[in-house]
Protein backbone atom coordinates (compact mmCIF):
# COMPACT_ATOMS: atom_id res chain seq x y z
CA MET A 1 96.38 38.28 -2.06
CA LEU A 2 94.41 38.03 1.29
CA THR A 3 90.89 39.41 -0.57
CA MET A 4 90.89 36.07 -2.39
CA ILE A 5 90.87 33.84 0.74
CA PRO A 6 87.69 34.38 1.10
CA ALA A 7 86.16 34.25 -2.43
CA LEU A 8 87.90 30.93 -2.30
CA THR A 9 86.66 29.46 1.05
CA MET A 10 82.89 30.11 0.62
CA PRO A 11 82.14 27.25 -2.13
CA LEU A 12 83.69 25.49 0.27
CA ALA A 13 82.49 26.14 3.12
CA ARG A 14 78.37 25.21 1.17
CA ALA A 15 79.92 21.67 0.43
CA ILE A 16 80.39 20.85 3.06
CA ALA A 17 77.77 22.68 5.17
CA ASP A 18 74.44 21.25 2.84
CA PRO A 19 75.50 17.48 3.42
CA VAL A 20 75.78 18.63 7.02
CA ARG A 21 72.52 20.06 6.92
CA SER A 22 71.41 17.50 5.76
CA ALA A 23 72.59 14.71 7.77
CA MET A 24 71.55 17.19 11.18
CA THR A 25 67.77 17.64 9.68
CA LEU A 26 66.92 13.55 8.87
CA PRO A 27 65.72 12.38 12.12
CA PHE A 28 62.94 15.25 11.72
CA GLU A 29 62.27 14.32 8.23
CA ALA A 30 61.78 10.51 9.25
CA ALA A 31 59.46 12.20 12.60
CA ARG A 32 57.42 13.83 9.64
CA GLN A 33 57.30 11.08 7.32
CA GLN A 34 56.19 8.43 10.29
CA TYR A 35 53.67 11.15 11.01
CA SER A 36 51.99 11.36 7.45
CA LEU A 37 51.89 7.41 6.97
CA ALA A 38 50.59 7.13 11.06
CA VAL A 39 47.26 9.04 9.67
CA LYS A 40 46.95 7.42 6.18
CA VAL A 41 46.82 3.79 8.12
CA GLY A 42 44.39 5.33 10.69
CA LEU A 43 46.78 5.39 14.13
CA GLN A 44 46.52 8.93 14.33
CA PRO A 45 43.72 10.92 13.09
CA ASN A 46 43.05 12.41 9.59
CA SER A 47 42.68 15.75 11.59
CA MET A 48 44.20 19.36 10.25
CA LEU A 49 44.24 20.70 13.99
CA ALA A 50 45.91 17.22 14.75
CA TYR A 51 48.62 17.68 12.04
CA ARG A 52 49.55 21.88 12.87
CA GLN A 53 49.66 20.43 16.61
CA HIS A 54 52.18 17.89 15.70
CA PHE A 55 54.54 19.67 13.13
CA ASN A 56 54.50 23.25 15.17
CA SER A 57 55.86 21.01 18.08
CA LEU A 58 58.48 19.40 15.56
CA ASP A 59 59.41 22.66 14.18
CA GLN A 60 60.01 24.13 17.32
CA LEU A 61 62.03 21.16 18.52
CA GLU A 62 64.57 21.34 15.18
CA LYS A 63 64.66 25.30 15.92
CA ALA A 64 65.51 24.65 19.17
CA THR A 65 67.94 21.85 18.69
CA LEU A 66 69.47 22.92 15.07
CA GLY A 67 69.82 26.80 15.49
CA ALA A 68 70.66 28.04 11.98
CA PHE A 69 70.95 24.37 10.32
CA ALA A 70 66.86 24.12 11.04
CA ARG A 71 64.67 24.17 8.14
CA GLN A 72 63.78 27.57 6.93
CA VAL A 73 60.37 27.30 5.58
């Protein structure tokens, strides 16, 4: 009977973790979107090096802030 408890709670834990993860990563996704829009409008340079630098720093910040909830690419 005790072995059935973890099997029943895992789907529930996943069902709770997915929306929480989505909500926690929303500010980082918004920052990625804003950078892309700034490049399209011309406020940021259309440079592969600037793009890489921005997204690497954003990725490091996301991993430091969210830990295991950070986006895995």
